[in-house]
């Protein structure tokens, strides 16, 4: 079994609870704390999942794939 551990990803679900200004402020704060200096995208998480579901990962087992812009490394 493998697992994907995503970082901060701003999705449309945030709009159900927060205003655009609050979302922008949250994203800026998260980006400031991330080694890559930005939040991720849903597409970046999807690409990691597709990799793990593909034959390209046929010998990958028991891995936790951090897709978080390096946040887990600090």
Protein backbone atom coordinates (compact mmCIF):
# COMPACT_ATOMS: atom_id res chain seq x y z
CA UNK A 1 0.00 0.00 0.00
CA UNK A 2 1.15 3.52 -0.79
CA UNK A 3 -0.22 6.82 0.43
CA UNK A 4 -0.20 10.37 -0.88
CA UNK A 5 0.18 13.12 1.72
CA UNK A 6 -0.82 16.41 0.12
CA UNK A 7 0.15 19.85 1.31
CA UNK A 8 -2.07 22.90 1.21
CA UNK A 9 -4.27 22.81 -1.89
CA UNK A 10 -6.83 25.56 -2.44
CA UNK A 11 -9.96 23.93 -3.86
CA UNK A 12 -13.48 25.22 -4.60
CA UNK A 13 -14.63 23.73 -1.28
CA UNK A 14 -12.91 26.61 0.53
CA UNK A 15 -15.51 28.97 -0.99
CA UNK A 16 -18.24 27.27 1.01
CA UNK A 17 -16.75 28.57 4.26
CA UNK A 18 -14.48 31.51 3.42
CA UNK A 19 -14.59 34.73 1.42
CA UNK A 20 -12.17 35.25 -1.47
CA UNK A 21 -10.16 37.62 0.72
CA UNK A 22 -9.90 35.02 3.49
CA UNK A 23 -8.85 32.35 1.00
CA UNK A 24 -6.18 34.65 -0.45
CA UNK A 25 -4.87 35.43 3.05
CA UNK A 26 -4.79 31.74 3.99
CA UNK A 27 -3.00 30.84 0.75
CA UNK A 28 -0.44 33.60 1.29
CA UNK A 29 0.24 32.42 4.85
CA UNK A 30 0.59 28.80 3.73
CA UNK A 31 2.87 29.83 0.85
CA UNK A 32 5.09 31.81 3.22
CA UNK A 33 5.63 28.65 5.29
CA UNK A 34 6.31 26.35 2.32
CA UNK A 35 9.86 25.79 1.06
CA UNK A 36 8.70 26.22 -2.56
CA UNK A 37 6.95 29.47 -1.61
CA UNK A 38 3.52 28.58 -2.91
CA UNK A 39 0.53 26.34 -2.33
CA UNK A 40 -0.04 23.34 -4.56
CA UNK A 41 -2.66 22.60 -7.16
CA UNK A 42 -5.14 19.77 -7.39
CA UNK A 43 -3.46 18.80 -10.67
CA UNK A 44 -0.15 18.25 -8.87
CA UNK A 45 -1.81 15.87 -6.42
CA UNK A 46 -3.60 14.10 -9.28
CA UNK A 47 -0.30 13.54 -11.10
CA UNK A 48 1.17 11.85 -8.03
CA UNK A 49 -1.88 9.61 -7.70
CA UNK A 50 -1.74 8.73 -11.40
CA UNK A 51 1.93 7.81 -10.99
CA UNK A 52 1.14 5.46 -8.09
CA UNK A 53 -1.75 3.93 -10.06
CA UNK A 54 0.39 3.36 -13.14
CA UNK A 55 2.84 0.64 -14.12
CA UNK A 56 5.62 3.21 -13.58
CA UNK A 57 5.29 2.54 -9.85
CA UNK A 58 5.10 -1.26 -10.12
CA UNK A 59 7.99 -1.73 -7.67
CA UNK A 60 6.93 1.00 -5.23
CA UNK A 61 5.40 -0.44 -2.09
CA UNK A 62 4.85 0.93 1.38
CA UNK A 63 5.71 4.49 0.42
CA UNK A 64 4.36 7.77 1.71
CA UNK A 65 4.61 10.27 -1.12
CA UNK A 66 4.67 13.82 0.21
CA UNK A 67 3.24 16.22 -2.38
CA UNK A 68 3.56 19.29 -0.23
CA UNK A 69 6.22 21.53 -1.72
CA UNK A 70 8.77 20.31 0.80
CA UNK A 71 6.80 21.25 3.93
CA UNK A 72 7.26 17.82 5.54
CA UNK A 73 11.02 18.18 5.24
CA UNK A 74 11.34 21.22 7.49
